[in-house]
Amino acid sequence: MKKLLLILLFLISSTVFTQDKGFGLGVILGEPTGISFKGWTSKTNAIDGGMAWSFTKSTALHLHADYLWHSFDVIESEENIPLYYGVGARVKFGNKDNNRLGVRGIIGLNYLMRKVPVDFFIEIAPILDLIQSTEFSMNGGIGVRYFFR
């Protein structure tokens, strides 16, 4: 009976404290800085997004959402550190002449902690604005998210 309880405890704890499922909410610091979320759709795919503020000379609110693919075998380690990449969209609300809508690519690294429902990430995102004018820019940052079950 004692062995059965230990096995059940191990199985429950190994499923509860993984960040490759569920919904995470946290912060991203960089350009722009704000709130970050991530929702896993499968073991290797997720949708992430953010609502953030740009502190550059043309201050603006950024909203973005991306579809992500994760590669868990790029960095060989006992830790969960997948490389992720994806594509999405970005809307930027600034002054009247600075509103933008564009396509966003993304590449980053994710550290999925084993014992607590938290992940850390670092990413860069090239952006091609298509509306109001065609313009290339970059976003990037580091962040942390807590995953809810």
C-alpha atoms as a PDB file:
ATOM      1  CA  MET A   1       0.000   0.000   0.000  1.00  0.00           C
ATOM      2  CA  LYS A   2       2.831   2.398   0.848  1.00  0.00           C
ATOM      3  CA  LYS A   3       4.485   1.775  -2.534  1.00  0.00           C
ATOM      4  CA  LEU A   4       1.199   2.394  -4.342  1.00  0.00           C
ATOM      5  CA  LEU A   5       0.784   5.750  -2.562  1.00  0.00           C
ATOM      6  CA  LEU A   6       4.334   6.767  -3.469  1.00  0.00           C
ATOM      7  CA  ILE A   7       3.773   5.858  -7.121  1.00  0.00           C
ATOM      8  CA  LEU A   8       0.496   7.812  -7.216  1.00  0.00           C
ATOM      9  CA  LEU A   9       2.132  10.823  -5.548  1.00  0.00           C
ATOM     10  CA  PHE A  10       4.951  10.737  -8.096  1.00  0.00           C
ATOM     11  CA  LEU A  11       2.540  10.522 -11.045  1.00  0.00           C
ATOM     12  CA  ILE A  12       0.375  13.363  -9.734  1.00  0.00           C
ATOM     13  CA  SER A  13       3.332  15.645  -8.992  1.00  0.00           C
ATOM     14  CA  SER A  14       4.948  14.997 -12.369  1.00  0.00           C
ATOM     15  CA  THR A  15       1.782  16.000 -14.204  1.00  0.00           C
ATOM     16  CA  VAL A  16       0.858  18.954 -12.013  1.00  0.00           C
ATOM     17  CA  PHE A  17       4.209  20.720 -12.220  1.00  0.00           C
ATOM     18  CA  THR A  18       4.907  20.734 -15.941  1.00  0.00           C
ATOM     19  CA  GLN A  19       4.430  23.844 -18.046  1.00  0.00           C
ATOM     20  CA  ASP A  20       3.818  22.081 -21.354  1.00  0.00           C
ATOM     21  CA  LYS A  21       0.074  22.311 -20.781  1.00  0.00           C
ATOM     22  CA  GLY A  22      -2.373  24.695 -19.220  1.00  0.00           C
ATOM     23  CA  PHE A  23      -2.514  28.478 -19.233  1.00  0.00           C
ATOM     24  CA  GLY A  24       0.252  30.804 -18.097  1.00  0.00           C
ATOM     25  CA  LEU A  25       0.120  34.488 -17.208  1.00  0.00           C
ATOM     26  CA  GLY A  26       3.063  36.745 -16.435  1.00  0.00           C
ATOM     27  CA  VAL A  27       5.193  39.684 -17.527  1.00  0.00           C
ATOM     28  CA  ILE A  28       7.554  40.477 -20.362  1.00  0.00           C
ATOM     29  CA  LEU A  29      10.284  43.106 -20.001  1.00  0.00           C
ATOM     30  CA  GLY A  30      11.823  44.662 -23.083  1.00  0.00           C
ATOM     31  CA  GLU A  31      10.405  46.384 -26.102  1.00  0.00           C
ATOM     32  CA  PRO A  32       7.496  46.471 -25.389  1.00  0.00           C
ATOM     33  CA  THR A  33       6.996  45.802 -21.636  1.00  0.00           C
ATOM     34  CA  GLY A  34       3.746  44.395 -20.261  1.00  0.00           C
ATOM     35  CA  ILE A  35       1.584  41.323 -19.670  1.00  0.00           C
ATOM     36  CA  SER A  36       2.305  37.974 -21.358  1.00  0.00           C
ATOM     37  CA  PHE A  37       0.100  34.887 -21.667  1.00  0.00           C
ATOM     38  CA  LYS A  38       0.565  31.404 -23.085  1.00  0.00           C
ATOM     39  CA  GLY A  39      -1.886  28.568 -23.644  1.00  0.00           C
ATOM     40  CA  TRP A  40      -0.715  25.131 -24.729  1.00  0.00           C
ATOM     41  CA  THR A  41      -2.736  23.445 -27.481  1.00  0.00           C
ATOM     42  CA  SER A  42      -0.630  20.230 -27.568  1.00  0.00           C
ATOM     43  CA  LYS A  43       2.701  18.916 -26.232  1.00  0.00           C
ATOM     44  CA  THR A  44       4.635  20.968 -28.818  1.00  0.00           C
ATOM     45  CA  ASN A  45       2.292  23.803 -29.828  1.00  0.00           C
ATOM     46  CA  ALA A  46       0.963  26.855 -28.027  1.00  0.00           C
ATOM     47  CA  ILE A  47      -0.660  30.219 -28.558  1.00  0.00           C
ATOM     48  CA  ASP A  48       0.973  33.148 -26.823  1.00  0.00           C
ATOM     49  CA  GLY A  49       0.267  36.824 -26.732  1.00  0.00           C
ATOM     50  CA  GLY A  50       0.782  40.044 -24.958  1.00  0.00           C
ATOM     51  CA  MET A  51      -0.569  43.417 -24.068  1.00  0.00           C
ATOM     52  CA  ALA A  52       2.334  45.770 -23.581  1.00  0.00           C
ATOM     53  CA  TRP A  53       3.499  49.370 -23.672  1.00  0.00           C
ATOM     54  CA  SER A  54       6.346  50.717 -25.779  1.00  0.00           C
ATOM     55  CA  PHE A  55       8.618  53.225 -24.056  1.00  0.00           C
ATOM     56  CA  THR A  56      10.431  54.410 -27.185  1.00  0.00           C
ATOM     57  CA  LYS A  57      10.048  57.911 -28.633  1.00  0.00           C
ATOM     58  CA  SER A  58       6.725  56.902 -30.202  1.00  0.00           C
ATOM     59  CA  THR A  59       5.005  55.482 -27.111  1.00  0.00           C
ATOM     60  CA  ALA A  60       2.213  53.088 -27.976  1.00  0.00           C
ATOM     61  CA  LEU A  61       0.116  50.153 -26.817  1.00  0.00           C
ATOM     62  CA  HIS A  62       1.066  46.838 -28.466  1.00  0.00           C
ATOM     63  CA  LEU A  63      -1.230  43.814 -28.736  1.00  0.00           C
ATOM     64  CA  HIS A  64       0.178  40.635 -30.255  1.00  0.00           C
ATOM     65  CA  ALA A  65      -0.701  36.956 -30.639  1.00  0.00           C
ATOM     66  CA  ASP A  66       1.445  34.143 -32.059  1.00  0.00           C
ATOM     67  CA  TYR A  67       1.107  30.462 -32.897  1.00  0.00           C
ATOM     68  CA  LEU A  68       4.208  28.626 -31.611  1.00  0.00           C
ATOM     69  CA  TRP A  69       6.024  25.370 -32.337  1.00  0.00           C
ATOM     70  CA  HIS A  70       8.425  24.001 -29.699  1.00  0.00           C
ATOM     71  CA  SER A  71      11.488  21.832 -30.398  1.00  0.00           C
ATOM     72  CA  PHE A  72      12.527  20.028 -27.217  1.00  0.00           C
ATOM     73  CA  ASP A  73      15.557  18.252 -28.735  1.00  0.00           C
ATOM     74  CA  VAL A  74      17.605  21.260 -29.943  1.00  0.00           C
ATOM     75  CA  ILE A  75      19.328  21.819 -26.578  1.00  0.00           C
ATOM     76  CA  GLU A  76      20.366  18.527 -25.020  1.00  0.00           C
ATOM     77  CA  SER A  77      19.949  18.847 -21.282  1.00  0.00           C
ATOM     78  CA  GLU A  78      18.226  17.200 -18.355  1.00  0.00           C
ATOM     79  CA  GLU A  79      16.231  20.430 -18.063  1.00  0.00           C
ATOM     80  CA  ASN A  80      13.244  21.340 -20.252  1.00  0.00           C
ATOM     81  CA  ILE A  81      14.633  24.101 -22.498  1.00  0.00           C
ATOM     82  CA  PRO A  82      12.807  24.079 -25.833  1.00  0.00           C
ATOM     83  CA  LEU A  83      13.570  26.363 -28.732  1.00  0.00           C
ATOM     84  CA  TYR A  84      10.341  27.867 -30.015  1.00  0.00           C
ATOM     85  CA  TYR A  85       9.395  29.698 -33.181  1.00  0.00           C
ATOM     86  CA  GLY A  86       6.194  30.933 -34.689  1.00  0.00           C
ATOM     87  CA  VAL A  87       4.187  33.474 -36.590  1.00  0.00           C
ATOM     88  CA  GLY A  88       1.507  35.909 -35.545  1.00  0.00           C
ATOM     89  CA  ALA A  89       0.155  39.423 -35.733  1.00  0.00           C
ATOM     90  CA  ARG A  90       0.778  42.698 -33.962  1.00  0.00           C
ATOM     91  CA  VAL A  91      -1.434  45.772 -33.583  1.00  0.00           C
ATOM     92  CA  LYS A  92       0.126  49.000 -32.359  1.00  0.00           C
ATOM     93  CA  PHE A  93      -1.994  51.900 -31.097  1.00  0.00           C
ATOM     94  CA  GLY A  94      -0.121  55.184 -30.870  1.00  0.00           C
ATOM     95  CA  ASN A  95      -1.035  58.650 -31.965  1.00  0.00           C
ATOM     96  CA  LYS A  96      -3.185  59.021 -35.095  1.00  0.00           C
ATOM     97  CA  ASP A  97      -0.193  58.768 -37.461  1.00  0.00           C
ATOM     98  CA  ASN A  98       1.465  55.904 -35.588  1.00  0.00           C
ATOM     99  CA  ASN A  99      -1.208  53.148 -35.590  1.00  0.00           C
ATOM    100  CA  ARG A 100       0.120  49.948 -37.178  1.00  0.00           C
ATOM    101  CA  LEU A 101      -0.968  46.418 -38.116  1.00  0.00           C
ATOM    102  CA  GLY A 102       1.659  43.881 -39.042  1.00  0.00           C
ATOM    103  CA  VAL A 103       2.903  40.315 -39.306  1.00  0.00           C
ATOM    104  CA  ARG A 104       5.224  39.070 -36.606  1.00  0.00           C
ATOM    105  CA  GLY A 105       7.719  36.223 -36.594  1.00  0.00           C
ATOM    106  CA  ILE A 106       9.130  34.966 -33.318  1.00  0.00           C
ATOM    107  CA  ILE A 107      12.012  32.848 -32.061  1.00  0.00           C
ATOM    108  CA  GLY A 108      12.976  32.202 -28.466  1.00  0.00           C
ATOM    109  CA  LEU A 109      14.090  29.894 -25.699  1.00  0.00           C
ATOM    110  CA  ASN A 110      11.847  28.669 -22.915  1.00  0.00           C
ATOM    111  CA  TYR A 111      12.956  27.247 -19.543  1.00  0.00           C
ATOM    112  CA  LEU A 112      10.186  25.069 -18.123  1.00  0.00           C
ATOM    113  CA  MET A 113      10.782  24.487 -14.422  1.00  0.00           C
ATOM    114  CA  ARG A 114      10.160  20.951 -13.194  1.00  0.00           C
ATOM    115  CA  LYS A 115       9.115  21.513  -9.572  1.00  0.00           C
ATOM    116  CA  VAL A 116       7.009  24.691  -9.800  1.00  0.00           C
ATOM    117  CA  PRO A 117       4.447  25.829 -12.418  1.00  0.00           C
ATOM    118  CA  VAL A 118       6.639  28.673 -13.750  1.00  0.00           C
ATOM    119  CA  ASP A 119       8.460  29.229 -17.026  1.00  0.00           C
ATOM    120  CA  PHE A 120      11.093  31.755 -18.085  1.00  0.00           C
ATOM    121  CA  PHE A 121      11.625  32.891 -21.662  1.00  0.00           C
ATOM    122  CA  ILE A 122      13.735  35.091 -23.897  1.00  0.00           C
ATOM    123  CA  GLU A 123      12.604  35.991 -27.405  1.00  0.00           C
ATOM    124  CA  ILE A 124      13.047  38.239 -30.413  1.00  0.00           C
ATOM    125  CA  ALA A 125      10.346  39.098 -32.912  1.00  0.00           C
ATOM    126  CA  PRO A 126      10.919  40.730 -36.306  1.00  0.00           C
ATOM    127  CA  ILE A 127       7.798  42.642 -37.396  1.00  0.00           C
ATOM    128  CA  LEU A 128       6.684  43.739 -40.840  1.00  0.00           C
ATOM    129  CA  ASP A 129       3.982  46.384 -40.534  1.00  0.00           C
ATOM    130  CA  LEU A 130       1.595  46.403 -43.489  1.00  0.00           C
ATOM    131  CA  ILE A 131      -0.932  49.042 -42.439  1.00  0.00           C
ATOM    132  CA  GLN A 132      -0.678  52.248 -42.070  1.00  0.00           C
ATOM    133  CA  SER A 133       2.593  52.018 -43.943  1.00  0.00           C
ATOM    134  CA  THR A 134       5.104  49.285 -44.699  1.00  0.00           C
ATOM    135  CA  GLU A 135       7.835  49.317 -42.085  1.00  0.00           C
ATOM    136  CA  PHE A 136      10.223  46.774 -40.540  1.00  0.00           C
ATOM    137  CA  SER A 137      10.896  46.740 -36.788  1.00  0.00           C
ATOM    138  CA  MET A 138      11.991  44.393 -33.997  1.00  0.00           C
ATOM    139  CA  ASN A 139      10.594  43.504 -30.596  1.00  0.00           C
ATOM    140  CA  GLY A 140      12.264  41.434 -27.936  1.00  0.00           C
ATOM    141  CA  GLY A 141      12.294  40.705 -24.270  1.00  0.00           C
ATOM    142  CA  ILE A 142      12.633  38.382 -21.330  1.00  0.00           C
ATOM    143  CA  GLY A 143       9.774  37.194 -19.188  1.00  0.00           C
ATOM    144  CA  VAL A 144       8.262  34.873 -16.654  1.00  0.00           C
ATOM    145  CA  ARG A 145       4.816  33.233 -16.452  1.00  0.00           C
ATOM    146  CA  TYR A 146       2.931  31.323 -13.773  1.00  0.00           C
ATOM    147  CA  PHE A 147       0.828  28.382 -15.024  1.00  0.00           C
ATOM    148  CA  PHE A 148      -2.643  27.767 -13.643  1.00  0.00           C
ATOM    149  CA  ARG A 149      -4.255  24.341 -13.550  1.00  0.00           C
END
